PDB file of N, CA and C in Angstrom:
ATOM      1  N   MET A   1     -73.496  59.984  17.566  1.00  0.00           N
ATOM      2  CA  MET A   1     -73.413  59.098  15.929  1.00  0.00           C
ATOM      3  C   MET A   1     -75.487  59.015  15.404  1.00  0.00           C
ATOM      4  N   TYR A   2     -75.811  58.582  15.790  1.00  0.00           N
ATOM      5  CA  TYR A   2     -77.723  58.673  14.896  1.00  0.00           C
ATOM      6  C   TYR A   2     -78.007  57.025  15.421  1.00  0.00           C
ATOM      7  N   ASN A   3     -78.318  56.950  16.044  1.00  0.00           N
ATOM      8  CA  ASN A   3     -78.899  55.509  16.544  1.00  0.00           C
ATOM      9  C   ASN A   3     -80.366  54.894  16.460  1.00  0.00           C
ATOM     10  N   TYR A   4     -80.512  53.952  14.931  1.00  0.00           N
ATOM     11  CA  TYR A   4     -81.961  53.610  14.417  1.00  0.00           C
ATOM     12  C   TYR A   4     -81.936  52.804  15.597  1.00  0.00           C
ATOM     13  N   LEU A   5     -81.790  52.397  16.418  1.00  0.00           N
ATOM     14  CA  LEU A   5     -82.340  50.936  16.774  1.00  0.00           C
ATOM     15  C   LEU A   5     -82.890  51.965  18.573  1.00  0.00           C
ATOM     16  N   GLU A   6     -82.299  52.680  18.929  1.00  0.00           N
ATOM     17  CA  GLU A   6     -82.809  53.821  20.154  1.00  0.00           C
ATOM     18  C   GLU A   6     -84.318  53.953  19.600  1.00  0.00           C
ATOM     19  N   ALA A   7     -83.412  55.168  18.391  1.00  0.00           N
ATOM     20  CA  ALA A   7     -84.752  55.931  17.609  1.00  0.00           C
ATOM     21  C   ALA A   7     -86.323  55.139  17.595  1.00  0.00           C
ATOM     22  N   VAL A   8     -85.831  53.937  16.744  1.00  0.00           N
ATOM     23  CA  VAL A   8     -87.284  53.011  16.324  1.00  0.00           C
ATOM     24  C   VAL A   8     -87.622  52.814  17.604  1.00  0.00           C
ATOM     25  N   LYS A   9     -87.273  52.376  18.983  1.00  0.00           N
ATOM     26  CA  LYS A   9     -87.653  51.254  19.886  1.00  0.00           C
ATOM     27  C   LYS A   9     -88.269  52.680  20.317  1.00  0.00           C
ATOM     28  N   ASN A  10     -88.202  54.174  21.207  1.00  0.00           N
ATOM     29  CA  ASN A  10     -89.064  54.691  21.189  1.00  0.00           C
ATOM     30  C   ASN A  10     -89.565  54.872  20.561  1.00  0.00           C
ATOM     31  N   ASP A  11     -90.091  54.875  19.450  1.00  0.00           N
ATOM     32  CA  ASP A  11     -90.772  55.244  18.172  1.00  0.00           C
ATOM     33  C   ASP A  11     -92.347  53.652  18.623  1.00  0.00           C
ATOM     34  N   VAL A  12     -91.507  52.644  19.105  1.00  0.00           N
ATOM     35  CA  VAL A  12     -92.413  51.662  19.292  1.00  0.00           C
ATOM     36  C   VAL A  12     -93.038  51.853  20.568  1.00  0.00           C
ATOM     37  N   ARG A  13     -92.174  52.629  21.165  1.00  0.00           N
ATOM     38  CA  ARG A  13     -92.789  52.737  22.812  1.00  0.00           C
ATOM     39  C   ARG A  13     -94.053  53.709  22.809  1.00  0.00           C
ATOM     40  N   PHE A  14     -94.055  54.139  21.719  1.00  0.00           N
ATOM     41  CA  PHE A  14     -94.290  55.591  22.269  1.00  0.00           C
ATOM     42  C   PHE A  14     -96.143  55.104  21.057  1.00  0.00           C
ATOM     43  N   ALA A  15     -96.014  54.300  20.855  1.00  0.00           N
ATOM     44  CA  ALA A  15     -96.778  53.628  19.250  1.00  0.00           C
ATOM     45  C   ALA A  15     -97.699  52.535  20.670  1.00  0.00           C
ATOM     46  N   ILE A  16     -97.120  52.241  21.671  1.00  0.00           N
ATOM     47  CA  ILE A  16     -97.996  51.461  22.806  1.00  0.00           C
ATOM     48  C   ILE A  16     -98.761  51.885  23.798  1.00  0.00           C
ATOM     49  N   ASN A  17     -97.925  53.058  24.318  1.00  0.00           N
ATOM     50  CA  ASN A  17     -98.535  54.092  25.068  1.00  0.00           C
ATOM     51  C   ASN A  17     -99.579  54.390  23.766  1.00  0.00           C
ATOM     52  N   GLU A  18     -99.258  55.028  23.131  1.00  0.00           N
ATOM     53  CA  GLU A  18    -100.975  55.491  22.491  1.00  0.00           C
ATOM     54  C   GLU A  18    -101.519  55.491  21.959  1.00  0.00           C
ATOM     55  N   GLY A  19    -101.727  53.442  22.282  1.00  0.00           N
ATOM     56  CA  GLY A  19    -102.631  52.736  22.263  1.00  0.00           C
ATOM     57  C   GLY A  19    -102.879  51.981  20.164  1.00  0.00           C
ATOM     58  N   ARG A  20    -101.706  52.646  19.976  1.00  0.00           N
ATOM     59  CA  ARG A  20    -101.810  52.212  18.199  1.00  0.00           C
ATOM     60  C   ARG A  20    -101.363  50.547  17.715  1.00  0.00           C
ATOM     61  N   VAL A  21    -100.864  50.303  19.219  1.00  0.00           N
ATOM     62  CA  VAL A  21    -100.854  49.350  18.859  1.00  0.00           C
ATOM     63  C   VAL A  21    -101.362  48.014  20.396  1.00  0.00           C
ATOM     64  N   TYR A  22    -101.904  47.045  19.509  1.00  0.00           N
ATOM     65  CA  TYR A  22    -102.520  45.780  21.555  1.00  0.00           C
ATOM     66  C   TYR A  22    -101.212  44.622  21.206  1.00  0.00           C
ATOM     67  N   ILE A  23    -101.090  45.137  22.256  1.00  0.00           N
ATOM     68  CA  ILE A  23     -99.845  43.565  22.864  1.00  0.00           C
ATOM     69  C   ILE A  23    -100.967  42.762  23.848  1.00  0.00           C
ATOM     70  N   ASP A  24    -100.654  41.438  23.583  1.00  0.00           N
ATOM     71  CA  ASP A  24    -101.744  40.662  24.096  1.00  0.00           C
ATOM     72  C   ASP A  24    -100.509  39.620  24.832  1.00  0.00           C
ATOM     73  N   TYR A  25    -100.031  40.188  25.798  1.00  0.00           N
ATOM     74  CA  TYR A  25     -99.066  38.851  26.936  1.00  0.00           C
ATOM     75  C   TYR A  25     -99.136  37.813  27.430  1.00  0.00           C
ATOM     76  N   ASP A  26    -100.669  37.014  26.492  1.00  0.00           N
ATOM     77  CA  ASP A  26    -100.885  36.314  26.613  1.00  0.00           C
ATOM     78  C   ASP A  26    -100.085  34.838  25.803  1.00  0.00           C
ATOM     79  N   ASN A  27    -100.141  35.965  24.412  1.00  0.00           N
ATOM     80  CA  ASN A  27     -99.232  34.750  23.563  1.00  0.00           C
ATOM     81  C   ASN A  27     -97.512  35.442  24.090  1.00  0.00           C
ATOM     82  N   ASP A  28     -97.418  34.195  22.790  1.00  0.00           N
ATOM     83  CA  ASP A  28     -95.994  34.420  22.485  1.00  0.00           C
ATOM     84  C   ASP A  28     -95.015  35.055  22.666  1.00  0.00           C
ATOM     85  N   ILE A  29     -93.609  35.474  22.632  1.00  0.00           N
ATOM     86  CA  ILE A  29     -92.777  36.817  22.389  1.00  0.00           C
ATOM     87  C   ILE A  29     -92.272  37.304  20.652  1.00  0.00           C
ATOM     88  N   ASP A  30     -92.650  35.165  20.293  1.00  0.00           N
ATOM     89  CA  ASP A  30     -92.256  35.526  18.877  1.00  0.00           C
ATOM     90  C   ASP A  30     -94.004  36.152  18.415  1.00  0.00           C
ATOM     91  N   ASP A  31     -94.782  35.873  18.469  1.00  0.00           N
ATOM     92  CA  ASP A  31     -96.017  35.885  18.085  1.00  0.00           C
ATOM     93  C   ASP A  31     -96.558  37.684  18.430  1.00  0.00           C
ATOM     94  N   ILE A  32     -95.988  38.059  18.821  1.00  0.00           N
ATOM     95  CA  ILE A  32     -96.204  39.394  19.650  1.00  0.00           C
ATOM     96  C   ILE A  32     -96.112  40.212  18.494  1.00  0.00           C
ATOM     97  N   ILE A  33     -94.494  40.217  18.141  1.00  0.00           N
ATOM     98  CA  ILE A  33     -93.555  40.841  17.756  1.00  0.00           C
ATOM     99  C   ILE A  33     -94.233  40.613  16.205  1.00  0.00           C
ATOM    100  N   VAL A  34     -94.859  40.151  16.208  1.00  0.00           N
ATOM    101  CA  VAL A  34     -95.399  39.908  14.416  1.00  0.00           C
ATOM    102  C   VAL A  34     -96.359  40.456  15.118  1.00  0.00           C
ATOM    103  N   SER A  35     -97.048  40.619  15.999  1.00  0.00           N
ATOM    104  CA  SER A  35     -98.355  40.840  15.646  1.00  0.00           C
ATOM    105  C   SER A  35     -97.705  42.679  15.393  1.00  0.00           C
ATOM    106  N   VAL A  36     -97.526  43.301  16.582  1.00  0.00           N
ATOM    107  CA  VAL A  36     -96.910  43.890  16.734  1.00  0.00           C
ATOM    108  C   VAL A  36     -95.992  44.756  15.072  1.00  0.00           C
ATOM    109  N   GLU A  37     -95.302  44.025  14.726  1.00  0.00           N
ATOM    110  CA  GLU A  37     -94.109  44.641  13.651  1.00  0.00           C
ATOM    111  C   GLU A  37     -95.504  44.905  12.407  1.00  0.00           C
ATOM    112  N   ASP A  38     -96.922  43.989  12.255  1.00  0.00           N
ATOM    113  CA  ASP A  38     -97.644  43.903  11.226  1.00  0.00           C
ATOM    114  C   ASP A  38     -98.639  45.116  11.491  1.00  0.00           C
ATOM    115  N   ALA A  39     -99.037  45.883  12.433  1.00  0.00           N
ATOM    116  CA  ALA A  39     -99.076  46.825  13.343  1.00  0.00           C
ATOM    117  C   ALA A  39     -98.565  47.969  12.322  1.00  0.00           C
ATOM    118  N   LEU A  40     -97.169  47.805  12.415  1.00  0.00           N
ATOM    119  CA  LEU A  40     -95.678  49.481  12.919  1.00  0.00           C
ATOM    120  C   LEU A  40     -95.423  49.474  11.555  1.00  0.00           C
ATOM    121  N   TRP A  41     -95.130  48.684  10.557  1.00  0.00           N
ATOM    122  CA  TRP A  41     -94.234  48.757   9.199  1.00  0.00           C
ATOM    123  C   TRP A  41     -94.720  49.575   8.632  1.00  0.00           C
ATOM    124  N   ALA A  42     -95.833  49.572   8.438  1.00  0.00           N
ATOM    125  CA  ALA A  42     -96.196  50.934   7.580  1.00  0.00           C
ATOM    126  C   ALA A  42     -97.207  51.758   8.484  1.00  0.00           C
ATOM    127  N   ASP A  43     -95.992  52.108   9.539  1.00  0.00           N
ATOM    128  CA  ASP A  43     -96.909  53.239  10.050  1.00  0.00           C
ATOM    129  C   ASP A  43     -95.687  54.603   9.841  1.00  0.00           C
ATOM    130  N   ASP A  44     -95.598  55.352   9.432  1.00  0.00           N
ATOM    131  CA  ASP A  44     -95.049  56.927   9.094  1.00  0.00           C
ATOM    132  C   ASP A  44     -94.164  57.039   9.884  1.00  0.00           C
ATOM    133  N   GLU A  45     -94.743  57.601  11.853  1.00  0.00           N
ATOM    134  CA  GLU A  45     -94.779  57.643  13.226  1.00  0.00           C
ATOM    135  C   GLU A  45     -93.817  56.404  13.714  1.00  0.00           C
ATOM    136  N   VAL A  46     -92.809  55.728  12.847  1.00  0.00           N
ATOM    137  CA  VAL A  46     -92.400  54.701  13.088  1.00  0.00           C
ATOM    138  C   VAL A  46     -91.153  54.307  12.269  1.00  0.00           C
ATOM    139  N   THR A  47     -91.804  53.966  11.519  1.00  0.00           N
ATOM    140  CA  THR A  47     -90.775  53.261  10.222  1.00  0.00           C
ATOM    141  C   THR A  47     -90.695  54.217   8.920  1.00  0.00           C
ATOM    142  N   GLY A  48     -92.100  55.357   8.514  1.00  0.00           N
ATOM    143  CA  GLY A  48     -91.838  55.887   7.443  1.00  0.00           C
ATOM    144  C   GLY A  48     -92.412  55.145   5.753  1.00  0.00           C
ATOM    145  N   ASN A  49     -92.620  53.697   5.970  1.00  0.00           N
ATOM    146  CA  ASN A  49     -93.133  53.530   5.441  1.00  0.00           C
ATOM    147  C   ASN A  49     -93.791  53.610   4.321  1.00  0.00           C
ATOM    148  N   GLU A  50     -94.928  53.785   4.775  1.00  0.00           N
ATOM    149  CA  GLU A  50     -96.571  54.148   4.661  1.00  0.00           C
ATOM    150  C   GLU A  50     -96.280  55.716   3.223  1.00  0.00           C
ATOM    151  N   SER A  51     -95.943  56.248   3.280  1.00  0.00           N
ATOM    152  CA  SER A  51     -95.936  57.847   2.726  1.00  0.00           C
ATOM    153  C   SER A  51     -94.312  57.754   1.542  1.00  0.00           C
ATOM    154  N   GLY A  52     -93.394  56.366   2.824  1.00  0.00           N
ATOM    155  CA  GLY A  52     -91.579  56.701   1.817  1.00  0.00           C
ATOM    156  C   GLY A  52     -90.772  57.631   2.982  1.00  0.00           C
ATOM    157  N   THR A  53     -91.306  58.406   3.203  1.00  0.00           N
ATOM    158  CA  THR A  53     -90.197  59.464   4.111  1.00  0.00           C
ATOM    159  C   THR A  53     -90.168  58.686   6.120  1.00  0.00           C
ATOM    160  N   TYR A  54     -89.722  58.755   6.798  1.00  0.00           N
ATOM    161  CA  TYR A  54     -90.055  58.868   8.169  1.00  0.00           C
ATOM    162  C   TYR A  54     -89.775  60.654   8.765  1.00  0.00           C
ATOM    163  N   THR A  55     -88.343  61.081   8.032  1.00  0.00           N
ATOM    164  CA  THR A  55     -88.710  62.308   8.496  1.00  0.00           C
ATOM    165  C   THR A  55     -89.050  63.444   7.937  1.00  0.00           C
ATOM    166  N   PHE A  56     -89.059  63.398   6.919  1.00  0.00           N
ATOM    167  CA  PHE A  56     -89.917  64.355   5.797  1.00  0.00           C
ATOM    168  C   PHE A  56     -88.911  65.687   5.812  1.00  0.00           C
ATOM    169  N   ASP A  57     -88.111  64.700   5.407  1.00  0.00           N
ATOM    170  CA  ASP A  57     -86.869  66.359   4.855  1.00  0.00           C
ATOM    171  C   ASP A  57     -85.474  65.328   5.196  1.00  0.00           C
ATOM    172  N   LYS A  58     -85.131  65.747   3.045  1.00  0.00           N
ATOM    173  CA  LYS A  58     -84.213  64.969   2.357  1.00  0.00           C
ATOM    174  C   LYS A  58     -82.443  64.809   3.473  1.00  0.00           C
ATOM    175  N   GLU A  59     -82.125  65.825   4.274  1.00  0.00           N
ATOM    176  CA  GLU A  59     -80.460  66.574   4.323  1.00  0.00           C
ATOM    177  C   GLU A  59     -80.950  65.579   6.167  1.00  0.00           C
ATOM    178  N   LYS A  60     -81.661  65.684   6.562  1.00  0.00           N
ATOM    179  CA  LYS A  60     -81.282  65.239   8.053  1.00  0.00           C
ATOM    180  C   LYS A  60     -81.433  63.273   7.305  1.00  0.00           C
ATOM    181  N   ALA A  61     -82.822  62.871   7.180  1.00  0.00           N
ATOM    182  CA  ALA A  61     -82.733  61.210   6.680  1.00  0.00           C
ATOM    183  C   ALA A  61     -80.892  61.313   5.668  1.00  0.00           C
ATOM    184  N   LYS A  62     -80.952  61.954   5.090  1.00  0.00           N
ATOM    185  CA  LYS A  62     -79.075  61.833   4.282  1.00  0.00           C
ATOM    186  C   LYS A  62     -78.038  62.029   6.100  1.00  0.00           C
ATOM    187  N   GLY A  63     -78.383  62.385   6.722  1.00  0.00           N
ATOM    188  CA  GLY A  63     -77.434  62.877   8.429  1.00  0.00           C
ATOM    189  C   GLY A  63     -77.109  61.173   8.089  1.00  0.00           C
ATOM    190  N   TYR A  64     -78.639  61.019   9.246  1.00  0.00           N
ATOM    191  CA  TYR A  64     -79.299  60.027   9.653  1.00  0.00           C
ATOM    192  C   TYR A  64     -78.338  58.483   9.396  1.00  0.00           C
ATOM    193  N   VAL A  65     -78.747  57.658   7.901  1.00  0.00           N
ATOM    194  CA  VAL A  65     -77.994  57.652   7.300  1.00  0.00           C
ATOM    195  C   VAL A  65     -76.204  57.273   6.726  1.00  0.00           C
ATOM    196  N   SER A  66     -75.904  58.140   6.812  1.00  0.00           N
ATOM    197  CA  SER A  66     -74.575  58.405   6.362  1.00  0.00           C
ATOM    198  C   SER A  66     -74.235  58.391   7.556  1.00  0.00           C
ATOM    199  N   GLU A  67     -74.107  57.949   8.431  1.00  0.00           N
ATOM    200  CA  GLU A  67     -73.770  58.308  10.485  1.00  0.00           C
ATOM    201  C   GLU A  67     -74.397  56.243  10.265  1.00  0.00           C
ATOM    202  N   ASN A  68     -74.506  55.434   9.467  1.00  0.00           N
ATOM    203  CA  ASN A  68     -75.144  54.336   9.190  1.00  0.00           C
ATOM    204  C   ASN A  68     -75.158  53.880   8.362  1.00  0.00           C
ATOM    205  N   LEU A  69     -73.783  53.707   7.055  1.00  0.00           N
ATOM    206  CA  LEU A  69     -73.490  53.079   6.056  1.00  0.00           C
ATOM    207  C   LEU A  69     -73.886  51.685   6.422  1.00  0.00           C
ATOM    208  N   ASP A  70     -73.638  51.105   7.430  1.00  0.00           N
ATOM    209  CA  ASP A  70     -72.433  48.961   7.835  1.00  0.00           C
ATOM    210  C   ASP A  70     -74.168  49.071   7.640  1.00  0.00           C
ATOM    211  N   LEU A  71     -74.753  49.655   8.364  1.00  0.00           N
ATOM    212  CA  LEU A  71     -76.679  49.519   8.896  1.00  0.00           C
ATOM    213  C   LEU A  71     -77.108  49.535   7.483  1.00  0.00           C
ATOM    214  N   LEU A  72     -76.812  50.278   7.065  1.00  0.00           N
ATOM    215  CA  LEU A  72     -77.595  50.720   5.077  1.00  0.00           C
ATOM    216  C   LEU A  72     -77.306  49.178   4.645  1.00  0.00           C
ATOM    217  N   ALA A  73     -76.048  49.108   4.242  1.00  0.00           N
ATOM    218  CA  ALA A  73     -75.543  48.351   4.030  1.00  0.00           C
ATOM    219  C   ALA A  73     -75.726  46.901   4.710  1.00  0.00           C
ATOM    220  N   ASP A  74     -75.974  46.601   5.891  1.00  0.00           N
ATOM    221  CA  ASP A  74     -77.120  44.828   6.076  1.00  0.00           C
ATOM    222  C   ASP A  74     -78.372  44.819   6.063  1.00  0.00           C
ATOM    223  N   ALA A  75     -79.264  46.160   6.146  1.00  0.00           N
ATOM    224  CA  ALA A  75     -80.204  45.753   5.670  1.00  0.00           C
ATOM    225  C   ALA A  75     -80.563  45.859   4.034  1.00  0.00           C
ATOM    226  N   ILE A  76     -79.832  46.644   3.507  1.00  0.00           N
ATOM    227  CA  ILE A  76     -80.012  46.293   1.844  1.00  0.00           C
ATOM    228  C   ILE A  76     -79.383  44.400   1.378  1.00  0.00           C
ATOM    229  N   ASP A  77     -79.304  44.491   2.258  1.00  0.00           N
ATOM    230  CA  ASP A  77     -78.570  42.905   2.266  1.00  0.00           C
ATOM    231  C   ASP A  77     -79.780  41.842   2.698  1.00  0.00           C
ATOM    232  N   ALA A  78     -80.282  42.537   3.236  1.00  0.00           N
ATOM    233  CA  ALA A  78     -82.172  41.767   3.838  1.00  0.00           C
ATOM    234  C   ALA A  78     -82.795  41.440   3.583  1.00  0.00           C
ATOM    235  N   PHE A  79     -83.352  42.576   3.094  1.00  0.00           N
ATOM    236  CA  PHE A  79     -84.002  42.833   1.716  1.00  0.00           C
ATOM    237  C   PHE A  79     -84.107  42.647   0.707  1.00  0.00           C
ATOM    238  N   ASP A  80     -82.774  42.432   0.471  1.00  0.00           N
ATOM    239  CA  ASP A  80     -82.252  42.110  -1.246  1.00  0.00           C
ATOM    240  C   ASP A  80     -82.445  42.606  -2.036  1.00  0.00           C
ATOM    241  N   CYS A  81     -82.141  43.743  -1.666  1.00  0.00           N
ATOM    242  CA  CYS A  81     -83.020  45.502  -2.658  1.00  0.00           C
ATOM    243  C   CYS A  81     -81.192  46.290  -3.166  1.00  0.00           C
ATOM    244  N   ARG A  82     -80.655  45.660  -3.943  1.00  0.00           N
ATOM    245  CA  ARG A  82     -79.271  46.850  -4.321  1.00  0.00           C
ATOM    246  C   ARG A  82     -79.130  46.432  -5.573  1.00  0.00           C
ATOM    247  N   GLU A  83     -79.979  46.208  -6.144  1.00  0.00           N
ATOM    248  CA  GLU A  83     -80.623  46.777  -7.611  1.00  0.00           C
ATOM    249  C   GLU A  83     -81.670  47.945  -7.192  1.00  0.00           C
ATOM    250  N   GLU A  84     -83.055  47.920  -6.933  1.00  0.00           N
ATOM    251  CA  GLU A  84     -83.669  49.552  -6.638  1.00  0.00           C
ATOM    252  C   GLU A  84     -83.039  50.133  -5.220  1.00  0.00           C
ATOM    253  N   ALA A  85     -81.886  49.578  -4.397  1.00  0.00           N
ATOM    254  CA  ALA A  85     -81.440  50.300  -4.349  1.00  0.00           C
ATOM    255  C   ALA A  85     -80.013  51.363  -5.027  1.00  0.00           C
ATOM    256  N   GLY A  86     -79.293  51.138  -5.607  1.00  0.00           N
ATOM    257  CA  GLY A  86     -78.346  51.658  -6.669  1.00  0.00           C
ATOM    258  C   GLY A  86     -78.698  52.793  -7.192  1.00  0.00           C
ATOM    259  N   LYS A  87     -80.314  52.488  -7.657  1.00  0.00           N
ATOM    260  CA  LYS A  87     -81.395  53.486  -8.249  1.00  0.00           C
ATOM    261  C   LYS A  87     -81.313  54.375  -7.584  1.00  0.00           C
ATOM    262  N   LYS A  88     -81.741  53.735  -6.281  1.00  0.00           N
ATOM    263  CA  LYS A  88     -82.618  55.270  -5.351  1.00  0.00           C
ATOM    264  C   LYS A  88     -81.297  55.995  -4.885  1.00  0.00           C
ATOM    265  N   LEU A  89     -79.364  55.163  -5.168  1.00  0.00           N
ATOM    266  CA  LEU A  89     -78.550  56.323  -4.930  1.00  0.00           C
ATOM    267  C   LEU A  89     -78.281  57.519  -6.075  1.00  0.00           C
ATOM    268  N   VAL A  90     -79.136  56.936  -6.860  1.00  0.00           N
ATOM    269  CA  VAL A  90     -78.736  57.475  -7.974  1.00  0.00           C
ATOM    270  C   VAL A  90     -79.710  59.045  -8.472  1.00  0.00           C
ATOM    271  N   TYR A  91     -80.918  58.629  -7.942  1.00  0.00           N
ATOM    272  CA  TYR A  91     -81.368  60.362  -7.420  1.00  0.00           C
ATOM    273  C   TYR A  91     -81.047  60.459  -6.345  1.00  0.00           C
ATOM    274  N   LYS A  92     -80.040  59.938  -4.953  1.00  0.00           N
ATOM    275  CA  LYS A  92     -79.853  60.756  -4.202  1.00  0.00           C
ATOM    276  C   LYS A  92     -81.066  60.075  -2.104  1.00  0.00           C
ATOM    277  N   ASP A  93     -81.505  59.387  -3.104  1.00  0.00           N
ATOM    278  CA  ASP A  93     -83.190  59.863  -2.539  1.00  0.00           C
ATOM    279  C   ASP A  93     -82.716  58.985  -0.809  1.00  0.00           C
ATOM    280  N   TRP A  94     -82.414  59.559   0.382  1.00  0.00           N
ATOM    281  CA  TRP A  94     -82.030  59.471   1.819  1.00  0.00           C
ATOM    282  C   TRP A  94     -82.971  58.839   2.215  1.00  0.00           C
ATOM    283  N   GLU A  95     -83.963  59.171   1.933  1.00  0.00           N
ATOM    284  CA  GLU A  95     -85.554  59.220   2.612  1.00  0.00           C
ATOM    285  C   GLU A  95     -86.182  57.227   2.874  1.00  0.00           C
ATOM    286  N   TYR A  96     -85.785  57.276   0.617  1.00  0.00           N
ATOM    287  CA  TYR A  96     -85.681  55.856   0.881  1.00  0.00           C
ATOM    288  C   TYR A  96     -84.906  54.778   2.089  1.00  0.00           C
ATOM    289  N   PHE A  97     -83.199  55.270   1.853  1.00  0.00           N
ATOM    290  CA  PHE A  97     -82.510  54.362   3.005  1.00  0.00           C
ATOM    291  C   PHE A  97     -82.580  54.243   4.344  1.00  0.00           C
ATOM    292  N   ASP A  98     -83.772  55.646   4.416  1.00  0.00           N
ATOM    293  CA  ASP A  98     -83.857  55.981   5.936  1.00  0.00           C
ATOM    294  C   ASP A  98     -85.372  54.653   6.158  1.00  0.00           C
ATOM    295  N   VAL A  99     -85.834  54.548   5.657  1.00  0.00           N
ATOM    296  CA  VAL A  99     -86.743  54.227   6.216  1.00  0.00           C
ATOM    297  C   VAL A  99     -86.785  51.895   5.571  1.00  0.00           C
ATOM    298  N   ILE A 100     -85.350  51.888   4.827  1.00  0.00           N
ATOM    299  CA  ILE A 100     -85.002  50.704   4.780  1.00  0.00           C
ATOM    300  C   ILE A 100     -84.885  49.774   6.036  1.00  0.00           C
ATOM    301  N   ILE A 101     -83.915  50.837   6.068  1.00  0.00           N
ATOM    302  CA  ILE A 101     -82.688  50.506   8.403  1.00  0.00           C
ATOM    303  C   ILE A 101     -83.793  50.750   9.081  1.00  0.00           C
ATOM    304  N   ARG A 102     -84.416  51.825   9.088  1.00  0.00           N
ATOM    305  CA  ARG A 102     -85.503  51.942   9.985  1.00  0.00           C
ATOM    306  C   ARG A 102     -86.934  50.245  10.015  1.00  0.00           C
ATOM    307  N   LEU A 103     -86.978  49.828   9.222  1.00  0.00           N
ATOM    308  CA  LEU A 103     -87.991  48.622   8.748  1.00  0.00           C
ATOM    309  C   LEU A 103     -87.188  47.247   8.925  1.00  0.00           C
ATOM    310  N   TYR A 104     -85.529  47.619   9.125  1.00  0.00           N
ATOM    311  CA  TYR A 104     -84.504  46.847   9.228  1.00  0.00           C
ATOM    312  C   TYR A 104     -84.374  46.573  10.861  1.00  0.00           C
ATOM    313  N   VAL A 105     -84.752  47.338  11.015  1.00  0.00           N
ATOM    314  CA  VAL A 105     -84.185  47.630  12.681  1.00  0.00           C
ATOM    315  C   VAL A 105     -85.420  46.661  13.940  1.00  0.00           C
ATOM    316  N   LEU A 106     -86.745  47.309  13.250  1.00  0.00           N
ATOM    317  CA  LEU A 106     -87.649  47.326  13.730  1.00  0.00           C
ATOM    318  C   LEU A 106     -88.419  46.026  15.083  1.00  0.00           C
ATOM    319  N   SER A 107     -88.178  44.741  13.908  1.00  0.00           N
ATOM    320  CA  SER A 107     -88.051  43.321  15.051  1.00  0.00           C
ATOM    321  C   SER A 107     -87.512  43.375  15.740  1.00  0.00           C
ATOM    322  N   GLN A 108     -85.986  43.503  16.169  1.00  0.00           N
ATOM    323  CA  GLN A 108     -85.386  43.897  16.940  1.00  0.00           C
ATOM    324  C   GLN A 108     -86.004  44.944  18.303  1.00  0.00           C
ATOM    325  N   ALA A 109     -86.559  46.455  17.528  1.00  0.00           N
ATOM    326  CA  ALA A 109     -86.487  46.838  18.761  1.00  0.00           C
ATOM    327  C   ALA A 109     -88.279  46.193  19.530  1.00  0.00           C
ATOM    328  N   ILE A 110     -88.991  46.252  18.821  1.00  0.00           N
ATOM    329  CA  ILE A 110     -89.724  45.672  18.832  1.00  0.00           C
ATOM    330  C   ILE A 110     -89.543  44.538  19.769  1.00  0.00           C
ATOM    331  N   ARG A 111     -89.336  43.666  20.197  1.00  0.00           N
ATOM    332  CA  ARG A 111     -88.417  42.855  21.296  1.00  0.00           C
ATOM    333  C   ARG A 111     -87.648  42.857  21.728  1.00  0.00           C
ATOM    334  N   GLU A 112     -86.604  44.303  21.994  1.00  0.00           N
ATOM    335  CA  GLU A 112     -86.985  44.506  23.072  1.00  0.00           C
ATOM    336  C   GLU A 112     -87.280  45.827  23.997  1.00  0.00           C
ATOM    337  N   VAL A 113     -88.779  46.040  23.094  1.00  0.00           N
ATOM    338  CA  VAL A 113     -89.141  46.690  24.201  1.00  0.00           C
ATOM    339  C   VAL A 113     -90.376  46.016  24.365  1.00  0.00           C
ATOM    340  N   VAL A 114     -90.887  45.155  24.080  1.00  0.00           N
ATOM    341  CA  VAL A 114     -91.846  44.091  24.826  1.00  0.00           C
ATOM    342  C   VAL A 114     -90.955  43.613  25.547  1.00  0.00           C
ATOM    343  N   GLU A 115     -89.586  42.357  26.286  1.00  0.00           N
ATOM    344  CA  GLU A 115     -89.005  42.696  27.440  1.00  0.00           C
ATOM    345  C   GLU A 115     -88.957  43.072  28.392  1.00  0.00           C
ATOM    346  N   GLU A 116     -88.718  44.981  27.568  1.00  0.00           N
ATOM    347  CA  GLU A 116     -88.963  45.422  28.688  1.00  0.00           C
ATOM    348  C   GLU A 116     -90.157  45.754  29.130  1.00  0.00           C
ATOM    349  N   VAL A 117     -91.124  45.448  28.710  1.00  0.00           N
ATOM    350  CA  VAL A 117     -92.373  45.919  29.261  1.00  0.00           C
ATOM    351  C   VAL A 117     -93.130  44.302  29.950  1.00  0.00           C
ATOM    352  N   ALA A 118     -92.243  43.851  29.682  1.00  0.00           N
ATOM    353  CA  ALA A 118     -93.324  42.499  29.632  1.00  0.00           C
ATOM    354  C   ALA A 118     -93.058  41.824  31.447  1.00  0.00           C
TER     355      ALA A 118
END
């Protein structure tokens, strides 16, 4: 089963190690999370949110999402996007669903990565 949290954590680690994100460890963890999340929210290599796709592959996205329908429901509820999600479902826009799940787990992924390296 595809693990979104682990996948996003790996992408966050890579972004930090690559220098795409600066972490000021003098700040408290909540400030760090906000700062890193602001930097990565629209990063296609982490969330896919800028272009609207992370996988650039509808079938791959469908596979990831199909294995995580409970997580998708949680993301839709958290972002209050039921109407938009319904429209996307009609058009089988799996990449949209993949992106919103990645956005949904982003804060938790950042927190766990920062706690590992702090």
